[in-house]
């Protein structure tokens, strides 16, 4: 299978090569202008059937042999892929060249030293344009809104120097072309998408960042004299501000200080980059809210469910529902506190779930709805959707680790929009059982796995809503314990949980078996419970599980009962 990594890009292959060429990618053979819009990015997996988005850019990880390359190119050609990226150097034989011409799939090389993860992250920044439901692009300063790569190239042209746009944590958000004109430290920074720690430490010790963030004028930075031979070219940097908030910075690799005209151009560029960064931030928030509205509407299963599924790209196909929650709840799964840190973790995990699902299928949707993050995963014909969802959820929880306790409920496959509401309800029921258990016994479950536990919780809700109290023999035991400070109810509960095994039950209560047998006889005398009657045992067990104990000995024990 070809596992999708990125969705809904709107850029040509030529644009990708213009922005990432020389530093990361090289065109080995083919016509980059043949494909106008790239429809997605996918990872090649030789063990599964290909399922490519339209005009995909395929990452051929581990593909090396010429015959294998030629075969893959022809397969991708039938799938109407845009290009194939392989690790350089690529062995180009006559068979490979013929396959490129025959398939129409361009062949690209990824430079040595760059990881596939870095390439996928860069492509996400470059290609993933537009918000959910957007029909057009707006512009800021003549540049497409939020297109930092186009902006970086424009600023580089004004300054006649390769530049990077970085956030406050020195992560590279975008970079211009001509990076081969800079020094090795710049290339290392771009390949890692982060300023290496040894460079940032030197700049911090020299007070560069303090001066940069205090001033609204560019700062000229001489390279270190000793110790960092890779850092050989001076830099000019300017802070990117929105009011008093520093959003990031622009760094230009230069050979001499900028002229007055270019200094003004860099200051103007800083203000323009700030507008784009704010637009990206606002667009992400708007996109998140819109996606949450669409997912919520689809899960309600009402009149707007089909339209919501259409906008999410999930119409007319079976879908399985995942429900993820952070364990910040009481024993019944109800929130017991409002913690801003927990709310942040919910949003973080919701975004992580969305990214995880998008890497598995080109049309997945996930959003935080209330306190639960829901995921909608399309299911192919002949696939056990629930089992696949269990594997997906388990893999996700393994990746996020145990720092935050998280559980996932799985609903059945919904065949159409009308079935989504029931699928969500099933996922919620499974999730509630997991939350009530605190994730102790399992972290992922289908409703079928915890069906009885779900029924018990729902019976408990019904009994609580009616205000019922224990009745009959169980009520008499509660009253006796409250009056005489004994533990007959605890004894009965342990005996029932042990299926009548006195040795096991006494060990659970840390008492001698003979003492336990005496307590059994005493509770039978006090309550009138026939321990040999299976119906009486079941009634007692059910009451102990679903009916709340009386508030105190003052209340008559038989006042109310089911």
Protein backbone atom coordinates (compact mmCIF):
# COMPACT_ATOMS: atom_id res chain seq x y z
CA UNK A 1 0.00 0.00 0.00
CA UNK A 2 1.11 3.58 -0.50
CA UNK A 3 0.45 5.28 2.81
CA UNK A 4 -0.53 8.95 2.37
CA UNK A 5 1.33 11.54 4.38
CA UNK A 6 -0.11 14.86 3.23
CA UNK A 7 -3.47 15.91 1.77
CA UNK A 8 -4.91 18.65 -0.39
CA UNK A 9 -1.78 20.37 -1.73
CA UNK A 10 -2.08 22.85 -4.58
CA UNK A 11 1.44 23.23 -6.03
CA UNK A 12 3.20 21.99 -9.12
CA UNK A 13 6.18 19.67 -9.23
CA UNK A 14 8.17 22.50 -10.74
CA UNK A 15 7.33 24.68 -7.73
CA UNK A 16 8.57 21.94 -5.39
CA UNK A 17 11.87 21.74 -7.25
CA UNK A 18 12.23 25.53 -7.28
CA UNK A 19 11.82 25.78 -3.53
CA UNK A 20 13.52 22.56 -2.40
CA UNK A 21 15.92 22.02 -5.29
CA UNK A 22 19.71 21.94 -4.85
CA UNK A 23 19.40 21.74 -1.06
CA UNK A 24 17.14 18.69 -0.85
CA UNK A 25 15.88 17.51 -4.23
CA UNK A 26 17.30 17.14 -7.73
CA UNK A 27 15.51 16.28 -10.95
CA UNK A 28 17.05 13.11 -12.35
CA UNK A 29 14.80 12.53 -15.34
CA UNK A 30 11.37 13.62 -16.54
CA UNK A 31 9.33 16.75 -17.16
CA UNK A 32 8.47 18.64 -13.93
CA UNK A 33 6.01 20.91 -15.74
CA UNK A 34 3.85 18.03 -16.91
CA UNK A 35 1.89 18.00 -13.60
CA UNK A 36 0.16 21.26 -12.66
CA UNK A 37 -1.18 20.31 -9.23
CA UNK A 38 0.23 17.64 -6.91
CA UNK A 39 -2.65 15.77 -5.32
CA UNK A 40 -0.82 14.35 -2.29
CA UNK A 41 2.35 12.76 -0.97
CA UNK A 42 2.58 9.02 -0.26
CA UNK A 43 5.10 6.51 1.09
CA UNK A 44 5.76 3.40 -0.99
CA UNK A 45 5.10 0.11 0.79
CA UNK A 46 5.89 -2.94 -1.39
CA UNK A 47 3.83 -5.27 0.83
CA UNK A 48 0.42 -3.64 0.23
CA UNK A 49 -1.70 -2.72 -2.74
CA UNK A 50 -1.20 0.85 -4.01
CA UNK A 51 -3.93 3.36 -3.14
CA UNK A 52 -2.64 6.69 -4.40
CA UNK A 53 -4.30 10.08 -4.26
CA UNK A 54 -4.51 11.79 -7.65
CA UNK A 55 -1.15 12.98 -9.08
CA UNK A 56 0.75 11.90 -5.97
CA UNK A 57 4.40 12.50 -5.19
CA UNK A 58 5.68 9.11 -3.98
CA UNK A 59 8.56 8.63 -1.53
CA UNK A 60 10.30 5.42 -2.60
CA UNK A 61 12.05 4.58 0.65
CA UNK A 62 14.54 1.73 0.25
CA UNK A 63 14.05 1.35 -3.53
CA UNK A 64 17.49 1.02 -5.14
CA UNK A 65 17.77 -1.65 -7.84
CA UNK A 66 17.23 -0.40 -11.43
CA UNK A 67 14.78 -3.20 -12.27
CA UNK A 68 12.77 -2.43 -9.12
CA UNK A 69 12.79 1.28 -9.97
CA UNK A 70 11.58 0.65 -13.53
CA UNK A 71 8.79 -1.65 -12.33
CA UNK A 72 7.66 0.87 -9.70
CA UNK A 73 7.67 3.72 -12.24
CA UNK A 74 5.36 1.78 -14.55
CA UNK A 75 3.06 0.90 -11.63
CA UNK A 76 2.92 4.55 -10.59
CA UNK A 77 2.26 5.56 -14.17
CA UNK A 78 -0.91 3.44 -14.19
CA UNK A 79 -1.87 5.19 -10.94
CA UNK A 80 -1.25 8.60 -12.61
CA UNK A 81 1.38 9.63 -10.07
CA UNK A 82 3.32 12.88 -10.49
CA UNK A 83 6.78 11.83 -9.38
CA UNK A 84 8.94 9.29 -7.56
CA UNK A 85 11.58 10.39 -5.02
CA UNK A 86 14.52 8.04 -4.37
CA UNK A 87 17.63 8.38 -2.26
CA UNK A 88 20.57 9.77 -4.25
CA UNK A 89 22.63 8.59 -5.98
CA UNK A 90 20.13 6.85 -8.24
CA UNK A 91 21.32 4.24 -10.75
CA UNK A 92 19.88 5.50 -14.05
CA UNK A 93 19.93 2.76 -16.68
CA UNK A 94 18.31 2.60 -20.08
CA UNK A 95 15.45 0.60 -18.54
CA UNK A 96 14.88 3.30 -15.91
CA UNK A 97 14.97 6.09 -18.53
CA UNK A 98 12.52 4.20 -20.71
CA UNK A 99 10.20 3.64 -17.74
CA UNK A 100 10.20 7.39 -16.96
CA UNK A 101 9.29 8.22 -20.56
CA UNK A 102 6.65 5.48 -20.77
CA UNK A 103 5.01 6.23 -17.42
CA UNK A 104 5.24 10.02 -17.46
CA UNK A 105 6.39 9.90 -13.81
CA UNK A 106 9.27 12.26 -13.02
CA UNK A 107 12.22 10.75 -11.15
CA UNK A 108 13.77 12.83 -8.35
CA UNK A 109 16.67 12.28 -5.96
CA UNK A 110 16.81 13.12 -2.24
CA UNK A 111 20.23 14.38 -1.20
CA UNK A 112 22.30 12.27 1.17
CA UNK A 113 22.13 13.43 4.79
CA UNK A 114 18.49 14.51 4.60
CA UNK A 115 15.98 12.21 6.24
CA UNK A 116 12.66 11.18 4.77
CA UNK A 117 10.94 12.65 7.81
CA UNK A 118 12.56 16.01 7.08
CA UNK A 119 11.40 15.85 3.48
CA UNK A 120 7.83 14.98 4.51
CA UNK A 121 7.78 17.90 6.97
CA UNK A 122 9.06 20.32 4.33
CA UNK A 123 6.52 19.12 1.81
CA UNK A 124 3.77 19.59 4.39
CA UNK A 125 4.82 23.22 4.84
CA UNK A 126 5.12 23.78 1.10
CA UNK A 127 2.15 21.90 -0.27
CA UNK A 128 -0.62 21.86 2.34
CA UNK A 129 -2.40 25.08 1.44
CA UNK A 130 -5.89 26.30 2.21
CA UNK A 131 -8.31 25.66 5.02
CA UNK A 132 -11.12 23.15 5.21
CA UNK A 133 -13.89 24.39 2.98
CA UNK A 134 -11.80 27.19 1.41
CA UNK A 135 -12.63 28.05 -2.16
CA UNK A 136 -9.87 30.55 -2.84
CA UNK A 137 -6.61 32.08 -1.65
CA UNK A 138 -6.19 35.61 -0.37
CA UNK A 139 -2.97 37.57 -0.73
CA UNK A 140 -0.86 39.67 1.64
CA UNK A 141 1.64 42.08 0.16
CA UNK A 142 1.21 40.48 -3.24
CA UNK A 143 2.13 37.03 -1.90
CA UNK A 144 -0.36 34.16 -1.44
CA UNK A 145 -1.48 34.30 2.18
CA UNK A 146 0.59 32.01 4.38
CA UNK A 147 2.95 30.95 1.56
CA UNK A 148 6.21 31.45 3.44
CA UNK A 149 8.34 29.76 0.79
CA UNK A 150 7.22 32.18 -1.91
CA UNK A 151 7.78 35.04 0.52
CA UNK A 152 11.27 33.76 1.40
CA UNK A 153 12.23 33.70 -2.28
CA UNK A 154 10.88 37.23 -2.76
CA UNK A 155 12.86 38.55 0.22
CA UNK A 156 15.98 36.74 -1.01
CA UNK A 157 15.62 38.47 -4.39
CA UNK A 158 15.37 41.89 -2.70
CA UNK A 159 18.41 41.27 -0.51
CA UNK A 160 20.38 39.27 -3.10
CA UNK A 161 21.11 36.71 -0.38
CA UNK A 162 19.72 33.32 0.68
CA UNK A 163 17.43 33.64 3.70
CA UNK A 164 15.59 31.55 6.25
CA UNK A 165 12.41 32.36 8.19
CA UNK A 166 12.54 30.93 11.72
CA UNK A 167 10.22 30.87 14.73
CA UNK A 168 11.12 31.79 18.33
CA UNK A 169 12.48 28.27 18.91
CA UNK A 170 14.83 28.63 15.91
CA UNK A 171 12.87 26.10 13.87
CA UNK A 172 13.06 26.76 10.13
CA UNK A 173 9.60 27.61 8.83
CA UNK A 174 10.68 28.33 5.25
CA UNK A 175 13.81 29.07 3.25
CA UNK A 176 14.67 30.57 -0.10
CA UNK A 177 16.61 29.16 -3.00
CA UNK A 178 20.37 29.69 -3.53
CA UNK A 179 21.23 28.08 -0.20
CA UNK A 180 24.25 26.50 -1.90
CA UNK A 181 25.78 30.01 -1.85
CA UNK A 182 25.77 29.99 1.95
CA UNK A 183 28.09 28.11 4.29
CA UNK A 184 27.83 24.57 5.62
CA UNK A 185 26.12 25.67 8.83
CA UNK A 186 23.18 27.03 6.81
CA UNK A 187 22.82 23.78 4.86
CA UNK A 188 22.93 21.80 8.13
CA UNK A 189 20.26 24.08 9.59
CA UNK A 190 17.94 23.55 6.64
CA UNK A 191 18.43 19.79 6.56
CA UNK A 192 17.56 19.57 10.25
CA UNK A 193 14.79 22.21 10.05
CA UNK A 194 16.36 23.60 13.25
CA UNK A 195 19.39 25.75 14.10
CA UNK A 196 21.89 23.28 15.63
CA UNK A 197 22.36 23.70 19.35
CA UNK A 198 26.09 24.46 19.13
CA UNK A 199 25.38 27.47 16.88
CA UNK A 200 22.48 28.78 18.94
CA UNK A 201 24.55 28.46 22.13
CA UNK A 202 27.35 30.60 20.67
CA UNK A 203 24.88 33.24 19.46
CA UNK A 204 23.21 33.28 22.88
CA UNK A 205 26.55 33.72 24.68
CA UNK A 206 27.42 36.62 22.39
CA UNK A 207 24.10 38.33 23.20
CA UNK A 208 22.84 38.18 19.61
CA UNK A 209 19.31 37.09 20.50
CA UNK A 210 19.03 39.65 23.30
CA UNK A 211 19.94 42.41 20.87
CA UNK A 212 17.76 40.96 18.11
CA UNK A 213 14.59 40.77 20.19
CA UNK A 214 15.09 44.20 21.79
CA UNK A 215 15.61 46.10 18.55
CA UNK A 216 13.38 46.71 15.54
CA UNK A 217 16.45 47.12 13.33
CA UNK A 218 18.50 44.36 11.66
CA UNK A 219 21.44 42.92 13.59
CA UNK A 220 24.72 42.17 11.82
CA UNK A 221 26.39 38.98 13.11
CA UNK A 222 30.03 38.22 12.42
CA UNK A 223 30.95 34.51 12.23
CA UNK A 224 32.79 33.06 15.24
CA UNK A 225 36.54 33.36 14.95
CA UNK A 226 37.33 29.90 16.33
CA UNK A 227 35.66 26.57 16.97
CA UNK A 228 32.91 26.64 14.32
CA UNK A 229 34.54 26.42 10.91
CA UNK A 230 31.19 25.57 9.26
CA UNK A 231 29.84 29.00 10.33
CA UNK A 232 31.97 31.07 7.96
CA UNK A 233 29.60 33.70 6.51
CA UNK A 234 28.19 36.73 8.33
CA UNK A 235 24.47 36.96 8.96
CA UNK A 236 21.98 39.78 9.06
CA UNK A 237 18.86 39.07 11.13
CA UNK A 238 15.72 41.01 11.95
CA UNK A 239 12.98 40.13 14.43
CA UNK A 240 9.48 39.43 13.15
CA UNK A 241 7.02 41.21 15.45
CA UNK A 242 3.28 41.55 15.92
CA UNK A 243 2.99 44.47 18.34
CA UNK A 244 5.04 43.53 21.40
CA UNK A 245 5.05 39.82 20.54
CA UNK A 246 8.10 38.38 18.77
CA UNK A 247 6.89 35.73 16.32
CA UNK A 248 10.25 34.76 14.87
CA UNK A 249 13.08 36.15 12.77
CA UNK A 250 14.53 36.41 9.26
CA UNK A 251 18.17 35.44 8.72
CA UNK A 252 20.15 36.34 5.60
CA UNK A 253 23.58 34.86 4.81
CA UNK A 254 25.61 37.81 3.45
CA UNK A 255 29.21 38.65 2.66
CA UNK A 256 29.11 42.23 3.91
CA UNK A 257 26.70 44.56 5.78
CA UNK A 258 23.55 45.48 3.88
CA UNK A 259 23.17 48.81 2.19
CA UNK A 260 20.72 51.32 3.59
CA UNK A 261 18.19 50.45 0.88
CA UNK A 262 18.40 46.73 1.55
CA UNK A 263 18.22 47.31 5.30
CA UNK A 264 14.88 49.08 4.78
CA UNK A 265 13.77 46.22 2.54
CA UNK A 266 14.60 43.69 5.28
CA UNK A 267 12.66 45.71 7.88
CA UNK A 268 9.66 45.88 5.53
CA UNK A 269 9.98 42.13 4.92
CA UNK A 270 9.86 41.53 8.67
CA UNK A 271 6.52 43.32 8.90
CA UNK A 272 5.15 41.40 5.94
CA UNK A 273 6.31 38.05 7.33
CA UNK A 274 4.55 38.92 10.60
CA UNK A 275 1.26 39.34 8.72
CA UNK A 276 1.71 35.96 7.05
CA UNK A 277 2.58 34.23 10.34
CA UNK A 278 -0.49 35.74 11.99
CA UNK A 279 -2.59 34.61 9.02
CA UNK A 280 -1.22 31.08 9.36
CA UNK A 281 -1.98 31.09 13.08
CA UNK A 282 -5.51 32.40 12.52
CA UNK A 283 -6.06 30.04 9.61
CA UNK A 284 -5.01 27.06 11.72
CA UNK A 285 -7.49 28.07 14.41
CA UNK A 286 -10.28 28.64 11.90
CA UNK A 287 -9.49 25.39 10.12
CA UNK A 288 -9.52 23.48 13.41
CA UNK A 289 -12.90 24.95 14.40
CA UNK A 290 -14.40 24.31 10.98
CA UNK A 291 -13.16 20.73 10.95
CA UNK A 292 -14.56 20.21 14.44
CA UNK A 293 -17.94 21.55 13.27
CA UNK A 294 -17.95 19.23 10.26
CA UNK A 295 -16.95 16.17 12.29
CA UNK A 296 -19.54 17.00 14.96
CA UNK A 297 -22.27 17.48 12.35
CA UNK A 298 -21.39 14.19 10.67
CA UNK A 299 -21.43 12.31 13.99
CA UNK A 300 -24.87 13.66 14.88
CA UNK A 301 -26.25 11.83 11.85
CA UNK A 302 -28.93 14.42 11.13
CA UNK A 303 -29.93 16.17 7.94
CA UNK A 304 -26.52 17.83 7.57
CA UNK A 305 -24.46 14.69 8.11
CA UNK A 306 -24.15 13.79 4.44
CA UNK A 307 -23.09 17.32 3.45
CA UNK A 308 -20.51 17.33 6.25
CA UNK A 309 -19.14 13.98 5.09
CA UNK A 310 -18.95 15.29 1.54
CA UNK A 311 -16.90 18.29 2.65
CA UNK A 312 -14.65 15.97 4.64
CA UNK A 313 -14.21 13.72 1.59
CA UNK A 314 -15.86 10.74 3.30
CA UNK A 315 -19.20 10.49 1.50
CA UNK A 316 -20.44 7.19 0.05
CA UNK A 317 -18.00 4.91 1.87
CA UNK A 318 -18.02 2.92 5.13
CA UNK A 319 -16.44 4.71 8.09
CA UNK A 320 -15.30 3.51 11.51
CA UNK A 321 -15.41 5.90 14.49
CA UNK A 322 -12.65 6.29 17.10
CA UNK A 323 -13.23 8.22 20.34
CA UNK A 324 -10.16 9.32 22.31
CA UNK A 325 -10.20 10.82 25.82
CA UNK A 326 -7.66 11.95 28.39
CA UNK A 327 -8.20 10.31 31.77
CA UNK A 328 -9.14 13.29 33.93
CA UNK A 329 -12.37 11.74 35.17
CA UNK A 330 -13.91 10.26 38.28
CA UNK A 331 -14.87 6.61 38.72
CA UNK A 332 -17.99 6.97 36.57
CA UNK A 333 -16.18 8.67 33.70
CA UNK A 334 -17.54 12.12 34.55
CA UNK A 335 -15.16 15.11 34.68
CA UNK A 336 -14.28 16.04 38.24
CA UNK A 337 -12.11 19.08 37.65
CA UNK A 338 -11.30 21.77 35.11
CA UNK A 339 -7.57 21.81 34.44
CA UNK A 340 -6.12 24.09 31.73
CA UNK A 341 -3.22 21.68 31.36
CA UNK A 342 -5.60 18.81 30.63
CA UNK A 343 -7.45 20.95 28.08
CA UNK A 344 -4.14 21.67 26.34
CA UNK A 345 -3.26 17.98 26.33
CA UNK A 346 -6.66 17.17 24.81
CA UNK A 347 -6.04 19.60 21.96
CA UNK A 348 -2.49 18.37 21.48
CA UNK A 349 -3.58 14.75 21.35
CA UNK A 350 -6.48 15.63 19.05
CA UNK A 351 -4.06 17.28 16.62
CA UNK A 352 -1.72 14.32 16.98
CA UNK A 353 -4.54 11.89 16.21
CA UNK A 354 -5.44 13.90 13.10
CA UNK A 355 -1.83 13.77 11.89
CA UNK A 356 -1.55 10.06 12.70
CA UNK A 357 -4.71 9.24 10.75
CA UNK A 358 -3.74 11.41 7.80
CA UNK A 359 -0.56 9.34 7.47
CA UNK A 360 -2.64 6.17 7.13
CA UNK A 361 -5.30 7.15 4.62
CA UNK A 362 -5.78 10.09 2.22
CA UNK A 363 -9.29 10.73 3.54
CA UNK A 364 -9.36 10.64 7.32
CA UNK A 365 -10.85 13.27 9.58
CA UNK A 366 -10.27 13.95 13.26
CA UNK A 367 -11.28 16.78 15.57
CA UNK A 368 -11.81 17.60 19.22
CA UNK A 369 -15.55 17.73 19.95
CA UNK A 370 -16.16 18.73 23.53
CA UNK A 371 -13.77 16.70 25.70
CA UNK A 372 -13.40 13.83 23.23
CA UNK A 373 -11.29 13.66 20.07
CA UNK A 374 -13.13 11.74 17.36
CA UNK A 375 -11.54 10.15 14.33
CA UNK A 376 -13.33 9.01 11.17
CA UNK A 377 -11.43 6.36 9.21
CA UNK A 378 -12.74 5.04 5.88
CA UNK A 379 -12.85 1.27 5.51
CA UNK A 380 -12.07 -0.63 2.32
CA UNK A 381 -14.22 -3.52 1.14
CA UNK A 382 -13.29 -6.86 2.68
CA UNK A 383 -11.45 -5.29 5.63
CA UNK A 384 -12.47 -5.77 9.27
CA UNK A 385 -12.88 -2.09 10.08
CA UNK A 386 -13.11 -2.48 13.85
CA UNK A 387 -9.98 -4.62 14.12
CA UNK A 388 -8.10 -2.21 11.87
CA UNK A 389 -9.23 0.69 14.07
CA UNK A 390 -8.01 -1.17 17.16
CA UNK A 391 -4.57 -1.57 15.56
CA UNK A 392 -4.50 2.10 14.55
CA UNK A 393 -5.51 3.27 18.03
CA UNK A 394 -3.04 0.95 19.76
CA UNK A 395 -0.21 2.15 17.54
CA UNK A 396 -1.12 5.77 18.24
CA UNK A 397 -1.18 5.28 22.03
CA UNK A 398 2.15 3.45 21.86
CA UNK A 399 3.62 6.43 20.03
CA UNK A 400 2.35 9.10 22.44
CA UNK A 401 3.57 7.09 25.45
CA UNK A 402 2.37 7.03 29.04
CA UNK A 403 3.05 10.62 30.07
CA UNK A 404 -0.66 11.34 29.62
CA UNK A 405 -3.15 8.56 30.41
CA UNK A 406 -5.32 8.17 27.34
CA UNK A 407 -7.95 5.64 26.20
CA UNK A 408 -9.74 5.02 22.90
CA UNK A 409 -13.20 3.55 22.28
CA UNK A 410 -14.00 1.98 18.90
CA UNK A 411 -17.44 2.03 17.31
CA UNK A 412 -18.79 -0.36 14.65
CA UNK A 413 -18.48 0.41 10.95
CA UNK A 414 -21.08 2.93 9.73
CA UNK A 415 -22.17 2.07 6.20
CA UNK A 416 -23.69 5.50 5.50
CA UNK A 417 -24.31 8.91 7.06
CA UNK A 418 -27.41 7.66 8.86
CA UNK A 419 -25.39 5.05 10.74
CA UNK A 420 -22.75 7.46 12.07
CA UNK A 421 -24.79 8.55 15.10
CA UNK A 422 -25.15 4.94 16.29
CA UNK A 423 -21.46 4.28 15.60
CA UNK A 424 -20.49 7.30 17.68
CA UNK A 425 -22.81 6.20 20.49
CA UNK A 426 -21.14 2.78 20.54
CA UNK A 427 -17.67 4.36 20.60
CA UNK A 428 -18.76 6.62 23.48
CA UNK A 429 -20.13 3.66 25.44
CA UNK A 430 -16.87 1.75 25.03
CA UNK A 431 -14.93 4.88 25.96
CA UNK A 432 -16.95 5.36 29.14
CA UNK A 433 -16.13 1.85 30.32
CA UNK A 434 -12.42 2.48 29.74
CA UNK A 435 -12.59 5.78 31.61
CA UNK A 436 -14.46 4.23 34.53
CA UNK A 437 -11.72 1.61 34.77
CA UNK A 438 -9.03 4.29 34.65
CA UNK A 439 -7.35 2.50 31.75
CA UNK A 440 -6.03 -0.15 34.14
CA UNK A 441 -7.07 -3.31 32.31
CA UNK A 442 -6.98 -1.99 28.73
CA UNK A 443 -6.52 1.25 26.81
CA UNK A 444 -8.39 0.40 23.60
CA UNK A 445 -11.70 -1.45 23.31
CA UNK A 446 -14.61 -2.04 20.98
CA UNK A 447 -18.13 -1.98 22.42
CA UNK A 448 -18.32 -5.75 21.85
CA UNK A 449 -15.31 -6.17 24.15
CA UNK A 450 -16.92 -4.28 27.05
CA UNK A 451 -20.63 -4.72 26.35
CA UNK A 452 -21.61 -6.10 29.77
CA UNK A 453 -19.61 -3.42 31.61
CA UNK A 454 -21.38 -0.77 29.51
CA UNK A 455 -24.77 -2.22 30.46
CA UNK A 456 -23.85 -2.15 34.14
CA UNK A 457 -22.87 1.53 33.93
CA UNK A 458 -26.14 2.36 32.16
CA UNK A 459 -28.16 0.45 34.78
CA UNK A 460 -26.32 2.43 37.43
CA UNK A 461 -27.41 5.65 35.70
CA UNK A 462 -31.03 4.48 35.64
CA UNK A 463 -31.00 3.52 39.31
CA UNK A 464 -29.35 6.81 40.30
CA UNK A 465 -31.87 8.83 38.28
CA UNK A 466 -34.77 7.09 40.09
CA UNK A 467 -33.10 7.50 43.46
CA UNK A 468 -33.34 3.78 44.27
CA UNK A 469 -31.60 2.37 47.34
CA UNK A 470 -30.65 -1.23 48.23
CA UNK A 471 -33.59 -3.40 49.16
CA UNK A 472 -34.21 -6.77 50.75
CA UNK A 473 -31.28 -8.80 52.15
CA UNK A 474 -28.63 -6.38 50.84
CA UNK A 475 -30.34 -3.42 52.50
CA UNK A 476 -30.46 -5.28 55.80
CA UNK A 477 -26.72 -5.99 55.56
CA UNK A 478 -25.93 -2.31 54.94
CA UNK A 479 -28.06 -1.33 57.94
CA UNK A 480 -26.44 -3.96 60.20
CA UNK A 481 -22.91 -2.90 59.19
CA UNK A 482 -23.73 0.76 59.85
CA UNK A 483 -25.19 0.00 63.28
CA UNK A 484 -22.66 -2.56 64.51
CA UNK A 485 -19.52 -1.45 62.57
CA UNK A 486 -19.12 -4.86 60.97
CA UNK A 487 -18.10 -5.75 57.41
CA UNK A 488 -20.76 -8.19 56.26
CA UNK A 489 -21.36 -6.35 52.95
CA UNK A 490 -17.65 -6.51 52.22
CA UNK A 491 -17.68 -10.22 53.04
CA UNK A 492 -20.58 -10.88 50.71
CA UNK A 493 -18.95 -8.89 47.91
CA UNK A 494 -15.66 -10.82 48.23
CA UNK A 495 -17.46 -14.18 48.29
CA UNK A 496 -19.49 -13.34 45.18
CA UNK A 497 -16.41 -12.03 43.33
CA UNK A 498 -14.59 -15.28 44.16
CA UNK A 499 -17.52 -17.41 42.91
CA UNK A 500 -17.98 -18.97 46.36
CA UNK A 501 -14.29 -19.86 46.82
CA UNK A 502 -13.86 -19.25 50.56
CA UNK A 503 -10.07 -19.59 50.49
CA UNK A 504 -9.67 -17.01 47.72
CA UNK A 505 -12.26 -14.65 49.22
CA UNK A 506 -10.71 -14.80 52.71
CA UNK A 507 -7.27 -14.14 51.23
CA UNK A 508 -8.63 -11.05 49.46
CA UNK A 509 -9.86 -9.71 52.82
CA UNK A 510 -6.74 -10.89 54.73
CA UNK A 511 -8.74 -12.98 57.21
CA UNK A 512 -8.58 -16.65 58.20
CA UNK A 513 -10.90 -18.96 56.18
CA UNK A 514 -12.67 -20.06 59.36
CA UNK A 515 -13.32 -16.42 60.29
CA UNK A 516 -14.65 -15.86 56.79
CA UNK A 517 -16.98 -18.88 57.06
CA UNK A 518 -18.33 -17.52 60.35
CA UNK A 519 -19.02 -14.16 58.69
CA UNK A 520 -20.85 -15.93 55.85
CA UNK A 521 -23.12 -17.72 58.29
CA UNK A 522 -23.70 -14.49 60.18
CA UNK A 523 -24.59 -12.47 57.06
CA UNK A 524 -27.03 -15.20 55.96
CA UNK A 525 -28.69 -15.02 59.40
CA UNK A 526 -28.85 -11.21 59.45
CA UNK A 527 -30.01 -10.70 55.87
CA UNK A 528 -32.04 -13.82 55.24
CA UNK A 529 -30.10 -14.30 51.96
CA UNK A 530 -30.13 -17.89 50.64
CA UNK A 531 -26.54 -18.32 49.42
CA UNK A 532 -27.48 -21.58 47.68
CA UNK A 533 -30.06 -19.89 45.44
CA UNK A 534 -28.47 -18.71 42.13
CA UNK A 535 -31.20 -16.10 41.59
CA UNK A 536 -30.65 -14.67 45.08
CA UNK A 537 -26.89 -14.55 44.47
CA UNK A 538 -27.38 -12.77 41.14
CA UNK A 539 -29.79 -10.25 42.70
CA UNK A 540 -27.32 -9.48 45.47
CA UNK A 541 -24.41 -9.15 43.03
CA UNK A 542 -26.42 -6.82 40.78
CA UNK A 543 -27.48 -4.59 43.66
CA UNK A 544 -23.94 -4.33 44.97
CA UNK A 545 -22.75 -3.23 41.53
CA UNK A 546 -25.43 -0.78 40.44
CA UNK A 547 -27.24 0.53 43.54
CA UNK A 548 -25.61 3.16 45.71
CA UNK A 549 -25.45 2.32 49.43
CA UNK A 550 -27.80 4.17 51.77
CA UNK A 551 -26.50 7.49 53.15
CA UNK A 552 -26.74 6.42 56.78
CA UNK A 553 -28.34 4.14 59.35
CA UNK A 554 -31.10 6.67 60.09
CA UNK A 555 -32.88 5.92 56.81
CA UNK A 556 -35.19 2.88 56.88
CA UNK A 557 -33.46 0.19 54.83
CA UNK A 558 -36.57 -0.99 53.02
CA UNK A 559 -37.96 2.46 52.12
CA UNK A 560 -37.24 2.06 48.40
CA UNK A 561 -36.13 -0.71 46.15
CA UNK A 562 -36.26 -1.94 42.59
